[in-house]
Amino acid sequence: MLILLMGLSAGVRAQQAPDVRLETVAREPVLQEIPLNGTVNPLKASAISPAVAGLVDSVPVDTGDQVARGDVLVELDDEQAVYELAAARAEASQARALLAEAERRLQEAQSVGAGRNIAATEVRSRENDVVAARASLARNQARFNLMEVMVRRHQVLAPFDGVVSSRSVDLGEWITPGGEIMQLVDITHLRLDFQVPQEYLHRLDERSRLLARVGKHSKLKEAPITVRVPVTDPQARTFLLRARPPEGETVWPGMAVQATLQVSTGESGLTVSRDALNRYPEGRVTVWIATPAGDDTYTVSEKRVQLGLAFQGKVEITRGLDGGEQVVVRGNESLTEGITVRLAAREAR
């Protein structure tokens, strides 16, 4: 009867034991996390300027309009340029006809034979006429091509797909080359730019990760690092780190971005989950160590620890643990010294 009662009592205690989840203290490379503030910047942002001077005849776009490469942004009055193009076309046609005549006369002279029916000097003269006619045609054709370019340049075209962020010209204004007429921003190819303290430049490697948050309520997501510029700002002592936006996040030029850069310290240490830590008002930090007691039950004891760096949801333990211990990471809120606990059902399976 006594043995039966003791067995029933042990069963009741096991059923009343709190459910916990355990984690084994392991040694791993220690990372350092650096908080950063950055900005979303476009890879392409241009101050649009005309290639020729002229009077603004049409502005078919306005601030906020989305345009494609080759769309007309501004049209200049091209009446004079069109007339000059027509004149150049006529001159080129005339030069082409004169060359054809010179070549015909030369062929005629060569067919009858120099020195027999025509003087040799006349043949050489006609050869020179052909050379001069060809040069005249080349000159006039070049002028015609130039005037074609000038006429085309009376239309200011979008150099890439983007959004007009500002516009500073209107109908009737006279504009000149080099003067800004509007700003065009590419909103499809954006990057996250951060200024990072130069002391971390040599610690960036293939294991380094950048976790970015776009907006106050978004979560930290990995932002792939694309560029690090190894040229530091001599005044701020920083270098540029550029990354792609996190997948699935919508960003716009000028947005503020918060990020955490994880870099290697070159050392390894014992780590535990942050959930394993118990913090007290006086500054003491402890963990609950679970010792096997049989049948998926454990006896727990509290151990004071000293913390190092925190990273990836873990914390480095610099003093208090030896490695290999099992610590409680769930269900440690109401534990007391020496109490018996058991693995949560999911953990036990």
C-alpha atoms as a PDB file:
ATOM      1  CA  MET A   1       0.000   0.000   0.000  1.00  0.00           C
ATOM      2  CA  LEU A   2       2.870   2.397   0.905  1.00  0.00           C
ATOM      3  CA  ILE A   3       4.659   1.686  -2.368  1.00  0.00           C
ATOM      4  CA  LEU A   4       1.417   2.279  -4.294  1.00  0.00           C
ATOM      5  CA  LEU A   5       0.829   5.616  -2.550  1.00  0.00           C
ATOM      6  CA  MET A   6       4.409   6.729  -3.231  1.00  0.00           C
ATOM      7  CA  GLY A   7       3.977   5.878  -6.916  1.00  0.00           C
ATOM      8  CA  LEU A   8       0.703   7.791  -7.132  1.00  0.00           C
ATOM      9  CA  SER A   9       2.296  10.772  -5.365  1.00  0.00           C
ATOM     10  CA  ALA A  10       5.208  10.805  -7.816  1.00  0.00           C
ATOM     11  CA  GLY A  11       2.753  10.642 -10.729  1.00  0.00           C
ATOM     12  CA  VAL A  12       0.777  13.606  -9.386  1.00  0.00           C
ATOM     13  CA  ARG A  13       3.968  15.623  -8.922  1.00  0.00           C
ATOM     14  CA  ALA A  14       5.027  14.818 -12.495  1.00  0.00           C
ATOM     15  CA  GLN A  15       1.639  15.933 -13.802  1.00  0.00           C
ATOM     16  CA  GLN A  16       1.908  19.198 -11.839  1.00  0.00           C
ATOM     17  CA  ALA A  17       5.474  19.933 -12.972  1.00  0.00           C
ATOM     18  CA  PRO A  18       5.638  23.095 -15.166  1.00  0.00           C
ATOM     19  CA  ASP A  19       6.194  22.596 -18.891  1.00  0.00           C
ATOM     20  CA  VAL A  20       9.418  24.108 -20.196  1.00  0.00           C
ATOM     21  CA  ARG A  21      11.512  24.224 -23.320  1.00  0.00           C
ATOM     22  CA  LEU A  22      15.231  23.679 -23.082  1.00  0.00           C
ATOM     23  CA  GLU A  23      18.242  24.735 -25.105  1.00  0.00           C
ATOM     24  CA  THR A  24      21.808  23.463 -24.947  1.00  0.00           C
ATOM     25  CA  VAL A  25      24.543  26.004 -24.301  1.00  0.00           C
ATOM     26  CA  ALA A  26      26.844  25.886 -27.344  1.00  0.00           C
ATOM     27  CA  ARG A  27      30.011  27.579 -28.537  1.00  0.00           C
ATOM     28  CA  GLU A  28      29.803  29.491 -31.807  1.00  0.00           C
ATOM     29  CA  PRO A  29      31.385  32.474 -33.596  1.00  0.00           C
ATOM     30  CA  VAL A  30      30.450  35.711 -31.868  1.00  0.00           C
ATOM     31  CA  LEU A  31      29.059  38.554 -33.953  1.00  0.00           C
ATOM     32  CA  GLN A  32      28.752  42.226 -33.151  1.00  0.00           C
ATOM     33  CA  GLU A  33      25.632  44.188 -34.099  1.00  0.00           C
ATOM     34  CA  ILE A  34      25.979  47.823 -35.140  1.00  0.00           C
ATOM     35  CA  PRO A  35      22.800  49.960 -35.360  1.00  0.00           C
ATOM     36  CA  LEU A  36      22.684  52.127 -38.483  1.00  0.00           C
ATOM     37  CA  ASN A  37      20.475  54.830 -39.936  1.00  0.00           C
ATOM     38  CA  GLY A  38      20.282  55.172 -43.705  1.00  0.00           C
ATOM     39  CA  THR A  39      18.358  56.555 -46.628  1.00  0.00           C
ATOM     40  CA  VAL A  40      16.709  55.105 -49.718  1.00  0.00           C
ATOM     41  CA  ASN A  41      18.456  56.556 -52.776  1.00  0.00           C
ATOM     42  CA  PRO A  42      17.835  56.024 -56.494  1.00  0.00           C
ATOM     43  CA  LEU A  43      20.666  54.706 -58.627  1.00  0.00           C
ATOM     44  CA  LYS A  44      19.733  57.280 -61.265  1.00  0.00           C
ATOM     45  CA  ALA A  45      18.597  60.834 -60.563  1.00  0.00           C
ATOM     46  CA  SER A  46      19.224  63.487 -63.217  1.00  0.00           C
ATOM     47  CA  ALA A  47      18.925  67.235 -63.482  1.00  0.00           C
ATOM     48  CA  ILE A  48      17.577  67.436 -67.032  1.00  0.00           C
ATOM     49  CA  SER A  49      19.073  70.145 -69.263  1.00  0.00           C
ATOM     50  CA  PRO A  50      18.602  71.009 -72.960  1.00  0.00           C
ATOM     51  CA  ALA A  51      21.356  70.456 -75.523  1.00  0.00           C
ATOM     52  CA  VAL A  52      20.473  73.608 -77.486  1.00  0.00           C
ATOM     53  CA  ALA A  53      19.118  77.033 -76.634  1.00  0.00           C
ATOM     54  CA  GLY A  54      15.570  77.860 -77.577  1.00  0.00           C
ATOM     55  CA  LEU A  55      12.100  79.054 -76.734  1.00  0.00           C
ATOM     56  CA  VAL A  56       9.903  76.579 -74.832  1.00  0.00           C
ATOM     57  CA  ASP A  57       7.032  75.610 -77.119  1.00  0.00           C
ATOM     58  CA  SER A  58       5.507  72.702 -75.154  1.00  0.00           C
ATOM     59  CA  VAL A  59       5.904  70.979 -71.780  1.00  0.00           C
ATOM     60  CA  PRO A  60       3.815  67.767 -71.966  1.00  0.00           C
ATOM     61  CA  VAL A  61       4.780  66.517 -68.477  1.00  0.00           C
ATOM     62  CA  ASP A  62       4.348  67.860 -64.975  1.00  0.00           C
ATOM     63  CA  THR A  63       5.689  67.149 -61.507  1.00  0.00           C
ATOM     64  CA  GLY A  64       4.755  63.643 -60.392  1.00  0.00           C
ATOM     65  CA  ASP A  65       4.275  62.245 -63.895  1.00  0.00           C
ATOM     66  CA  GLN A  66       5.828  58.874 -64.632  1.00  0.00           C
ATOM     67  CA  VAL A  67       7.662  58.728 -67.956  1.00  0.00           C
ATOM     68  CA  ALA A  68       9.447  56.086 -70.014  1.00  0.00           C
ATOM     69  CA  ARG A  69      12.801  56.390 -71.676  1.00  0.00           C
ATOM     70  CA  GLY A  70      12.438  58.407 -74.905  1.00  0.00           C
ATOM     71  CA  ASP A  71       9.276  60.268 -73.857  1.00  0.00           C
ATOM     72  CA  VAL A  72       9.238  63.989 -74.715  1.00  0.00           C
ATOM     73  CA  LEU A  73       9.751  66.178 -71.651  1.00  0.00           C
ATOM     74  CA  VAL A  74      10.080  69.593 -73.301  1.00  0.00           C
ATOM     75  CA  GLU A  75       9.714  70.794 -76.907  1.00  0.00           C
ATOM     76  CA  LEU A  76      11.498  73.920 -78.191  1.00  0.00           C
ATOM     77  CA  ASP A  77      10.483  76.116 -81.108  1.00  0.00           C
ATOM     78  CA  ASP A  78      12.364  74.504 -84.044  1.00  0.00           C
ATOM     79  CA  GLU A  79      11.021  76.549 -87.008  1.00  0.00           C
ATOM     80  CA  GLN A  80      14.405  78.079 -87.886  1.00  0.00           C
ATOM     81  CA  ALA A  81      16.231  74.782 -87.453  1.00  0.00           C
ATOM     82  CA  VAL A  82      13.771  73.039 -89.769  1.00  0.00           C
ATOM     83  CA  TYR A  83      14.413  75.617 -92.534  1.00  0.00           C
ATOM     84  CA  GLU A  84      18.158  75.257 -92.085  1.00  0.00           C
ATOM     85  CA  LEU A  85      17.776  71.499 -92.351  1.00  0.00           C
ATOM     86  CA  ALA A  86      15.867  71.896 -95.636  1.00  0.00           C
ATOM     87  CA  ALA A  87      18.626  74.131 -97.008  1.00  0.00           C
ATOM     88  CA  ALA A  88      21.288  71.622 -95.979  1.00  0.00           C
ATOM     89  CA  ARG A  89      19.311  68.834 -97.646  1.00  0.00           C
ATOM     90  CA  ALA A  90      19.161  70.826-100.908  1.00  0.00           C
ATOM     91  CA  GLU A  91      22.881  71.598-100.816  1.00  0.00           C
ATOM     92  CA  ALA A  92      23.669  67.931-100.251  1.00  0.00           C
ATOM     93  CA  SER A  93      21.473  66.977-103.208  1.00  0.00           C
ATOM     94  CA  GLN A  94      23.242  69.562-105.395  1.00  0.00           C
ATOM     95  CA  ALA A  95      26.661  68.284-104.348  1.00  0.00           C
ATOM     96  CA  ARG A  96      25.573  64.723-105.118  1.00  0.00           C
ATOM     97  CA  ALA A  97      24.495  65.780-108.644  1.00  0.00           C
ATOM     98  CA  LEU A  98      27.765  67.648-109.273  1.00  0.00           C
ATOM     99  CA  LEU A  99      29.729  64.560-108.198  1.00  0.00           C
ATOM    100  CA  ALA A 100      27.742  62.383-110.569  1.00  0.00           C
ATOM    101  CA  GLU A 101      28.485  64.822-113.446  1.00  0.00           C
ATOM    102  CA  ALA A 102      32.173  64.969-112.596  1.00  0.00           C
ATOM    103  CA  GLU A 103      32.401  61.195-112.500  1.00  0.00           C
ATOM    104  CA  ARG A 104      30.595  60.977-115.879  1.00  0.00           C
ATOM    105  CA  ARG A 105      32.981  63.425-117.516  1.00  0.00           C
ATOM    106  CA  LEU A 106      35.984  61.596-116.095  1.00  0.00           C
ATOM    107  CA  GLN A 107      34.696  58.238-117.340  1.00  0.00           C
ATOM    108  CA  GLU A 108      34.131  59.781-120.799  1.00  0.00           C
ATOM    109  CA  ALA A 109      37.692  61.107-120.923  1.00  0.00           C
ATOM    110  CA  GLN A 110      39.153  57.803-119.798  1.00  0.00           C
ATOM    111  CA  SER A 111      37.162  55.884-122.416  1.00  0.00           C
ATOM    112  CA  VAL A 112      38.643  57.756-125.390  1.00  0.00           C
ATOM    113  CA  GLY A 113      42.186  57.437-124.057  1.00  0.00           C
ATOM    114  CA  ALA A 114      44.528  60.106-122.789  1.00  0.00           C
ATOM    115  CA  GLY A 115      46.999  61.372-125.404  1.00  0.00           C
ATOM    116  CA  ARG A 116      45.009  60.149-128.398  1.00  0.00           C
ATOM    117  CA  ASN A 117      41.655  61.938-128.553  1.00  0.00           C
ATOM    118  CA  ILE A 118      42.006  64.068-125.405  1.00  0.00           C
ATOM    119  CA  ALA A 119      44.910  65.698-123.683  1.00  0.00           C
ATOM    120  CA  ALA A 120      46.382  63.979-120.612  1.00  0.00           C
ATOM    121  CA  THR A 121      46.138  67.228-118.678  1.00  0.00           C
ATOM    122  CA  GLU A 122      42.397  67.327-119.327  1.00  0.00           C
ATOM    123  CA  VAL A 123      42.034  63.829-117.885  1.00  0.00           C
ATOM    124  CA  ARG A 124      43.945  64.851-114.744  1.00  0.00           C
ATOM    125  CA  SER A 125      41.794  67.972-114.470  1.00  0.00           C
ATOM    126  CA  ARG A 126      38.626  65.898-114.600  1.00  0.00           C
ATOM    127  CA  GLU A 127      40.062  63.543-111.950  1.00  0.00           C
ATOM    128  CA  ASN A 128      40.643  66.548-109.689  1.00  0.00           C
ATOM    129  CA  ASP A 129      37.084  67.694-110.359  1.00  0.00           C
ATOM    130  CA  VAL A 130      35.820  64.328-109.076  1.00  0.00           C
ATOM    131  CA  VAL A 131      37.947  64.608-105.921  1.00  0.00           C
ATOM    132  CA  ALA A 132      36.670  68.131-105.270  1.00  0.00           C
ATOM    133  CA  ALA A 133      33.045  67.078-105.887  1.00  0.00           C
ATOM    134  CA  ARG A 134      33.383  64.203-103.438  1.00  0.00           C
ATOM    135  CA  ALA A 135      34.805  66.529-100.790  1.00  0.00           C
ATOM    136  CA  SER A 136      31.987  69.012-101.391  1.00  0.00           C
ATOM    137  CA  LEU A 137      29.406  66.234-101.035  1.00  0.00           C
ATOM    138  CA  ALA A 138      31.010  65.003 -97.795  1.00  0.00           C
ATOM    139  CA  ARG A 139      30.997  68.553 -96.386  1.00  0.00           C
ATOM    140  CA  ASN A 140      27.384  69.180 -97.340  1.00  0.00           C
ATOM    141  CA  GLN A 141      26.284  65.733 -96.112  1.00  0.00           C
ATOM    142  CA  ALA A 142      27.966  66.402 -92.766  1.00  0.00           C
ATOM    143  CA  ARG A 143      26.168  69.745 -92.484  1.00  0.00           C
ATOM    144  CA  PHE A 144      22.883  68.031 -93.316  1.00  0.00           C
ATOM    145  CA  ASN A 145      23.515  65.380 -90.640  1.00  0.00           C
ATOM    146  CA  LEU A 146      24.378  68.128 -88.147  1.00  0.00           C
ATOM    147  CA  MET A 147      21.165  69.972 -88.857  1.00  0.00           C
ATOM    148  CA  GLU A 148      19.193  66.732 -88.405  1.00  0.00           C
ATOM    149  CA  VAL A 149      20.757  66.397 -84.953  1.00  0.00           C
ATOM    150  CA  MET A 150      19.989  70.027 -84.118  1.00  0.00           C
ATOM    151  CA  VAL A 151      16.346  69.598 -85.083  1.00  0.00           C
ATOM    152  CA  ARG A 152      16.069  66.448 -82.937  1.00  0.00           C
ATOM    153  CA  ARG A 153      17.674  68.245 -80.003  1.00  0.00           C
ATOM    154  CA  HIS A 154      14.818  70.729 -79.935  1.00  0.00           C
ATOM    155  CA  GLN A 155      12.992  67.897 -78.153  1.00  0.00           C
ATOM    156  CA  VAL A 156      14.289  67.059 -74.669  1.00  0.00           C
ATOM    157  CA  LEU A 157      13.748  63.326 -74.131  1.00  0.00           C
ATOM    158  CA  ALA A 158      13.703  61.258 -70.940  1.00  0.00           C
ATOM    159  CA  PRO A 159      17.047  59.425 -70.615  1.00  0.00           C
ATOM    160  CA  PHE A 160      15.519  56.624 -68.510  1.00  0.00           C
ATOM    161  CA  ASP A 161      12.253  55.432 -66.965  1.00  0.00           C
ATOM    162  CA  GLY A 162      11.361  57.521 -63.951  1.00  0.00           C
ATOM    163  CA  VAL A 163       9.211  60.111 -62.231  1.00  0.00           C
ATOM    164  CA  VAL A 164       9.418  63.877 -62.708  1.00  0.00           C
ATOM    165  CA  SER A 165      10.231  65.091 -59.194  1.00  0.00           C
ATOM    166  CA  SER A 166      10.363  68.804 -60.055  1.00  0.00           C
ATOM    167  CA  ARG A 167       9.809  71.105 -63.027  1.00  0.00           C
ATOM    168  CA  SER A 168      11.261  74.601 -63.389  1.00  0.00           C
ATOM    169  CA  VAL A 169      10.226  75.761 -66.911  1.00  0.00           C
ATOM    170  CA  ASP A 170       7.002  76.775 -68.614  1.00  0.00           C
ATOM    171  CA  LEU A 171       5.764  77.916 -72.010  1.00  0.00           C
ATOM    172  CA  GLY A 172       7.468  80.942 -73.557  1.00  0.00           C
ATOM    173  CA  GLU A 173      10.646  80.761 -71.474  1.00  0.00           C
ATOM    174  CA  TRP A 174      14.063  80.922 -73.107  1.00  0.00           C
ATOM    175  CA  ILE A 175      16.347  78.124 -71.944  1.00  0.00           C
ATOM    176  CA  THR A 176      20.026  77.492 -72.566  1.00  0.00           C
ATOM    177  CA  PRO A 177      22.293  74.416 -72.395  1.00  0.00           C
ATOM    178  CA  GLY A 178      23.358  73.637 -68.838  1.00  0.00           C
ATOM    179  CA  GLY A 179      20.284  75.178 -67.255  1.00  0.00           C
ATOM    180  CA  GLU A 180      18.174  72.743 -65.226  1.00  0.00           C
ATOM    181  CA  ILE A 181      14.626  72.421 -66.509  1.00  0.00           C
ATOM    182  CA  MET A 182      13.411  69.476 -64.389  1.00  0.00           C
ATOM    183  CA  GLN A 183      14.499  66.632 -62.119  1.00  0.00           C
ATOM    184  CA  LEU A 184      13.953  63.008 -63.153  1.00  0.00           C
ATOM    185  CA  VAL A 185      14.255  60.179 -60.609  1.00  0.00           C
ATOM    186  CA  ASP A 186      14.363  56.439 -61.269  1.00  0.00           C
ATOM    187  CA  ILE A 187      12.033  54.803 -58.720  1.00  0.00           C
ATOM    188  CA  THR A 188      12.515  51.211 -59.877  1.00  0.00           C
ATOM    189  CA  HIS A 189      16.229  50.810 -59.109  1.00  0.00           C
ATOM    190  CA  LEU A 190      16.642  51.888 -55.497  1.00  0.00           C
ATOM    191  CA  ARG A 191      19.338  51.174 -52.948  1.00  0.00           C
ATOM    192  CA  LEU A 192      19.744  51.596 -49.187  1.00  0.00           C
ATOM    193  CA  ASP A 193      22.748  53.769 -48.335  1.00  0.00           C
ATOM    194  CA  PHE A 194      24.390  53.760 -44.904  1.00  0.00           C
ATOM    195  CA  GLN A 195      27.390  55.567 -43.489  1.00  0.00           C
ATOM    196  CA  VAL A 196      29.261  53.033 -41.336  1.00  0.00           C
ATOM    197  CA  PRO A 197      32.087  53.831 -38.862  1.00  0.00           C
ATOM    198  CA  GLN A 198      35.394  53.100 -40.600  1.00  0.00           C
ATOM    199  CA  GLU A 199      36.554  50.763 -37.823  1.00  0.00           C
ATOM    200  CA  TYR A 200      34.197  48.087 -39.182  1.00  0.00           C
ATOM    201  CA  LEU A 201      35.440  48.218 -42.778  1.00  0.00           C
ATOM    202  CA  HIS A 202      38.081  45.483 -42.348  1.00  0.00           C
ATOM    203  CA  ARG A 203      35.613  43.256 -40.464  1.00  0.00           C
ATOM    204  CA  LEU A 204      33.115  42.965 -43.306  1.00  0.00           C
ATOM    205  CA  ASP A 205      33.246  39.548 -44.973  1.00  0.00           C
ATOM    206  CA  GLU A 206      30.956  37.034 -46.677  1.00  0.00           C
ATOM    207  CA  ARG A 207      29.343  36.186 -43.316  1.00  0.00           C
ATOM    208  CA  SER A 208      28.348  39.783 -42.592  1.00  0.00           C
ATOM    209  CA  ARG A 209      24.616  40.475 -42.754  1.00  0.00           C
ATOM    210  CA  LEU A 210      22.562  43.636 -42.901  1.00  0.00           C
ATOM    211  CA  LEU A 211      19.052  43.548 -41.440  1.00  0.00           C
ATOM    212  CA  ALA A 212      16.934  46.551 -42.412  1.00  0.00           C
ATOM    213  CA  ARG A 213      13.603  47.931 -41.270  1.00  0.00           C
ATOM    214  CA  VAL A 214      11.628  50.177 -43.625  1.00  0.00           C
ATOM    215  CA  GLY A 215       8.999  52.030 -41.626  1.00  0.00           C
ATOM    216  CA  LYS A 216       8.284  52.028 -37.909  1.00  0.00           C
ATOM    217  CA  HIS A 217       6.022  48.977 -37.903  1.00  0.00           C
ATOM    218  CA  SER A 218       7.927  46.700 -40.269  1.00  0.00           C
ATOM    219  CA  LYS A 219      10.172  43.848 -39.160  1.00  0.00           C
ATOM    220  CA  LEU A 220      13.894  43.520 -39.649  1.00  0.00           C
ATOM    221  CA  LYS A 221      14.589  41.692 -42.905  1.00  0.00           C
ATOM    222  CA  GLU A 222      17.839  40.864 -44.618  1.00  0.00           C
ATOM    223  CA  ALA A 223      18.988  43.481 -47.113  1.00  0.00           C
ATOM    224  CA  PRO A 224      21.667  41.985 -49.412  1.00  0.00           C
ATOM    225  CA  ILE A 225      24.845  44.064 -49.368  1.00  0.00           C
ATOM    226  CA  THR A 226      25.836  45.092 -52.904  1.00  0.00           C
ATOM    227  CA  VAL A 227      28.593  47.667 -52.517  1.00  0.00           C
ATOM    228  CA  ARG A 228      31.021  48.829 -49.884  1.00  0.00           C
ATOM    229  CA  VAL A 229      33.100  51.822 -50.870  1.00  0.00           C
ATOM    230  CA  PRO A 230      36.516  51.554 -49.184  1.00  0.00           C
ATOM    231  CA  VAL A 231      36.958  55.334 -49.247  1.00  0.00           C
ATOM    232  CA  THR A 232      36.271  56.898 -45.897  1.00  0.00           C
ATOM    233  CA  ASP A 233      35.021  60.369 -45.168  1.00  0.00           C
ATOM    234  CA  PRO A 234      38.008  62.042 -43.451  1.00  0.00           C
ATOM    235  CA  GLN A 235      35.737  64.251 -41.356  1.00  0.00           C
ATOM    236  CA  ALA A 236      32.991  61.820 -40.342  1.00  0.00           C
ATOM    237  CA  ARG A 237      35.336  58.783 -40.338  1.00  0.00           C
ATOM    238  CA  THR A 238      32.731  56.684 -42.139  1.00  0.00           C
ATOM    239  CA  PHE A 239      32.434  54.692 -45.376  1.00  0.00           C
ATOM    240  CA  LEU A 240      29.480  54.005 -47.666  1.00  0.00           C
ATOM    241  CA  LEU A 241      27.662  50.683 -47.404  1.00  0.00           C
ATOM    242  CA  ARG A 242      24.976  50.074 -50.053  1.00  0.00           C
ATOM    243  CA  ALA A 243      22.361  47.307 -50.068  1.00  0.00           C
ATOM    244  CA  ARG A 244      19.266  46.226 -51.963  1.00  0.00           C
ATOM    245  CA  PRO A 245      15.910  46.754 -50.233  1.00  0.00           C
ATOM    246  CA  PRO A 246      14.528  43.716 -48.372  1.00  0.00           C
ATOM    247  CA  GLU A 247      12.462  41.444 -50.580  1.00  0.00           C
ATOM    248  CA  GLY A 248       8.775  42.308 -50.543  1.00  0.00           C
ATOM    249  CA  GLU A 249       9.273  45.782 -49.039  1.00  0.00           C
ATOM    250  CA  THR A 250       8.020  48.876 -50.865  1.00  0.00           C
ATOM    251  CA  VAL A 251      10.483  51.760 -50.654  1.00  0.00           C
ATOM    252  CA  TRP A 252      10.617  55.257 -52.110  1.00  0.00           C
ATOM    253  CA  PRO A 253      13.506  57.675 -52.647  1.00  0.00           C
ATOM    254  CA  GLY A 254      14.262  59.682 -49.531  1.00  0.00           C
ATOM    255  CA  MET A 255      12.751  57.234 -47.036  1.00  0.00           C
ATOM    256  CA  ALA A 256      14.581  56.765 -43.746  1.00  0.00           C
ATOM    257  CA  VAL A 257      15.794  53.245 -42.990  1.00  0.00           C
ATOM    258  CA  GLN A 258      16.929  51.639 -39.744  1.00  0.00           C
ATOM    259  CA  ALA A 259      19.270  48.680 -39.928  1.00  0.00           C
ATOM    260  CA  THR A 260      21.516  46.399 -37.931  1.00  0.00           C
ATOM    261  CA  LEU A 261      24.874  45.370 -39.365  1.00  0.00           C
ATOM    262  CA  GLN A 262      26.254  42.074 -38.102  1.00  0.00           C
ATOM    263  CA  VAL A 263      30.024  41.686 -38.360  1.00  0.00           C
ATOM    264  CA  SER A 264      32.394  39.046 -37.064  1.00  0.00           C
ATOM    265  CA  THR A 265      34.514  39.686 -33.993  1.00  0.00           C
ATOM    266  CA  GLY A 266      36.947  36.962 -34.979  1.00  0.00           C
ATOM    267  CA  GLU A 267      36.247  35.116 -31.724  1.00  0.00           C
ATOM    268  CA  SER A 268      33.934  32.346 -30.526  1.00  0.00           C
ATOM    269  CA  GLY A 269      32.060  32.039 -27.255  1.00  0.00           C
ATOM    270  CA  LEU A 270      29.255  30.350 -25.333  1.00  0.00           C
ATOM    271  CA  THR A 271      25.814  31.637 -26.305  1.00  0.00           C
ATOM    272  CA  VAL A 272      22.238  31.253 -25.089  1.00  0.00           C
ATOM    273  CA  SER A 273      18.908  32.542 -26.320  1.00  0.00           C
ATOM    274  CA  ARG A 274      17.824  35.900 -24.948  1.00  0.00           C
ATOM    275  CA  ASP A 275      14.695  34.150 -23.657  1.00  0.00           C
ATOM    276  CA  ALA A 276      16.853  32.185 -21.238  1.00  0.00           C
ATOM    277  CA  LEU A 277      17.890  35.290 -19.306  1.00  0.00           C
ATOM    278  CA  ASN A 278      16.308  36.460 -16.061  1.00  0.00           C
ATOM    279  CA  ARG A 279      17.057  40.090 -15.288  1.00  0.00           C
ATOM    280  CA  TYR A 280      16.659  41.580 -11.818  1.00  0.00           C
ATOM    281  CA  PRO A 281      16.280  45.243 -10.784  1.00  0.00           C
ATOM    282  CA  GLU A 282      19.661  45.333  -9.059  1.00  0.00           C
ATOM    283  CA  GLY A 283      21.367  44.330 -12.322  1.00  0.00           C
ATOM    284  CA  ARG A 284      21.807  40.623 -11.626  1.00  0.00           C
ATOM    285  CA  VAL A 285      21.305  38.278 -14.611  1.00  0.00           C
ATOM    286  CA  THR A 286      20.692  34.540 -14.230  1.00  0.00           C
ATOM    287  CA  VAL A 287      19.668  31.439 -16.166  1.00  0.00           C
ATOM    288  CA  TRP A 288      17.848  28.297 -15.022  1.00  0.00           C
ATOM    289  CA  ILE A 289      19.930  25.153 -15.554  1.00  0.00           C
ATOM    290  CA  ALA A 290      17.964  21.915 -15.968  1.00  0.00           C
ATOM    291  CA  THR A 291      19.439  18.632 -14.679  1.00  0.00           C
ATOM    292  CA  PRO A 292      17.800  15.379 -15.904  1.00  0.00           C
ATOM    293  CA  ALA A 293      15.689  13.608 -13.248  1.00  0.00           C
ATOM    294  CA  GLY A 294      14.228  10.877 -15.476  1.00  0.00           C
ATOM    295  CA  ASP A 295      10.997  10.362 -17.467  1.00  0.00           C
ATOM    296  CA  ASP A 296      11.321  13.707 -19.295  1.00  0.00           C
ATOM    297  CA  THR A 297      11.554  15.545 -15.997  1.00  0.00           C
ATOM    298  CA  TYR A 298      14.314  17.841 -14.825  1.00  0.00           C
ATOM    299  CA  THR A 299      15.385  19.600 -11.671  1.00  0.00           C
ATOM    300  CA  VAL A 300      16.240  23.280 -12.129  1.00  0.00           C
ATOM    301  CA  SER A 301      18.755  25.478 -10.371  1.00  0.00           C
ATOM    302  CA  GLU A 302      19.457  29.162 -10.890  1.00  0.00           C
ATOM    303  CA  LYS A 303      22.929  30.280 -11.997  1.00  0.00           C
ATOM    304  CA  ARG A 304      24.237  33.822 -12.204  1.00  0.00           C
ATOM    305  CA  VAL A 305      25.952  34.718 -15.495  1.00  0.00           C
ATOM    306  CA  GLN A 306      27.875  37.599 -17.026  1.00  0.00           C
ATOM    307  CA  LEU A 307      26.903  38.801 -20.494  1.00  0.00           C
ATOM    308  CA  GLY A 308      28.910  39.774 -23.539  1.00  0.00           C
ATOM    309  CA  LEU A 309      27.685  40.775 -26.976  1.00  0.00           C
ATOM    310  CA  ALA A 310      24.105  40.227 -28.156  1.00  0.00           C
ATOM    311  CA  PHE A 311      23.341  39.163 -31.728  1.00  0.00           C
ATOM    312  CA  GLN A 312      20.724  37.270 -33.753  1.00  0.00           C
ATOM    313  CA  GLY A 313      18.470  36.760 -30.737  1.00  0.00           C
ATOM    314  CA  LYS A 314      21.335  35.294 -28.712  1.00  0.00           C
ATOM    315  CA  VAL A 315      23.646  36.578 -26.008  1.00  0.00           C
ATOM    316  CA  GLU A 316      27.272  35.719 -25.361  1.00  0.00           C
ATOM    317  CA  ILE A 317      27.971  34.327 -21.876  1.00  0.00           C
ATOM    318  CA  THR A 318      31.427  35.387 -20.695  1.00  0.00           C
ATOM    319  CA  ARG A 319      31.216  33.927 -17.172  1.00  0.00           C
ATOM    320  CA  GLY A 320      29.045  31.445 -15.295  1.00  0.00           C
ATOM    321  CA  LEU A 321      28.650  28.562 -17.770  1.00  0.00           C
ATOM    322  CA  ASP A 322      31.002  25.898 -19.080  1.00  0.00           C
ATOM    323  CA  GLY A 323      29.133  24.785 -22.199  1.00  0.00           C
ATOM    324  CA  GLY A 324      26.872  21.782 -22.706  1.00  0.00           C
ATOM    325  CA  GLU A 325      24.393  22.779 -19.983  1.00  0.00           C
ATOM    326  CA  GLN A 326      20.688  22.769 -20.739  1.00  0.00           C
ATOM    327  CA  VAL A 327      18.985  26.035 -19.910  1.00  0.00           C
ATOM    328  CA  VAL A 328      15.277  26.873 -19.761  1.00  0.00           C
ATOM    329  CA  VAL A 329      14.179  29.217 -22.580  1.00  0.00           C
ATOM    330  CA  ARG A 330      10.397  28.875 -22.195  1.00  0.00           C
ATOM    331  CA  GLY A 331       8.409  28.564 -18.988  1.00  0.00           C
ATOM    332  CA  ASN A 332      11.099  30.144 -16.777  1.00  0.00           C
ATOM    333  CA  GLU A 333       8.918  32.978 -15.487  1.00  0.00           C
ATOM    334  CA  SER A 334       7.762  31.300 -12.247  1.00  0.00           C
ATOM    335  CA  LEU A 335      10.462  28.740 -11.482  1.00  0.00           C
ATOM    336  CA  THR A 336      11.930  28.295  -8.007  1.00  0.00           C
ATOM    337  CA  GLU A 337      15.148  26.662  -6.867  1.00  0.00           C
ATOM    338  CA  GLY A 338      15.048  22.847  -7.009  1.00  0.00           C
ATOM    339  CA  ILE A 339      11.604  22.572  -8.569  1.00  0.00           C
ATOM    340  CA  THR A 340      10.889  19.678 -10.925  1.00  0.00           C
ATOM    341  CA  VAL A 341       9.913  20.553 -14.500  1.00  0.00           C
ATOM    342  CA  ARG A 342       9.123  18.536 -17.575  1.00  0.00           C
ATOM    343  CA  LEU A 343       9.562  19.086 -21.289  1.00  0.00           C
ATOM    344  CA  ALA A 344       6.624  20.594 -23.088  1.00  0.00           C
ATOM    345  CA  ALA A 345       4.685  18.046 -25.119  1.00  0.00           C
ATOM    346  CA  ARG A 346       6.014  19.321 -28.466  1.00  0.00           C
ATOM    347  CA  GLU A 347       9.576  19.400 -27.144  1.00  0.00           C
ATOM    348  CA  ALA A 348       9.254  15.904 -25.679  1.00  0.00           C
ATOM    349  CA  ARG A 349       8.223  14.476 -29.057  1.00  0.00           C
END
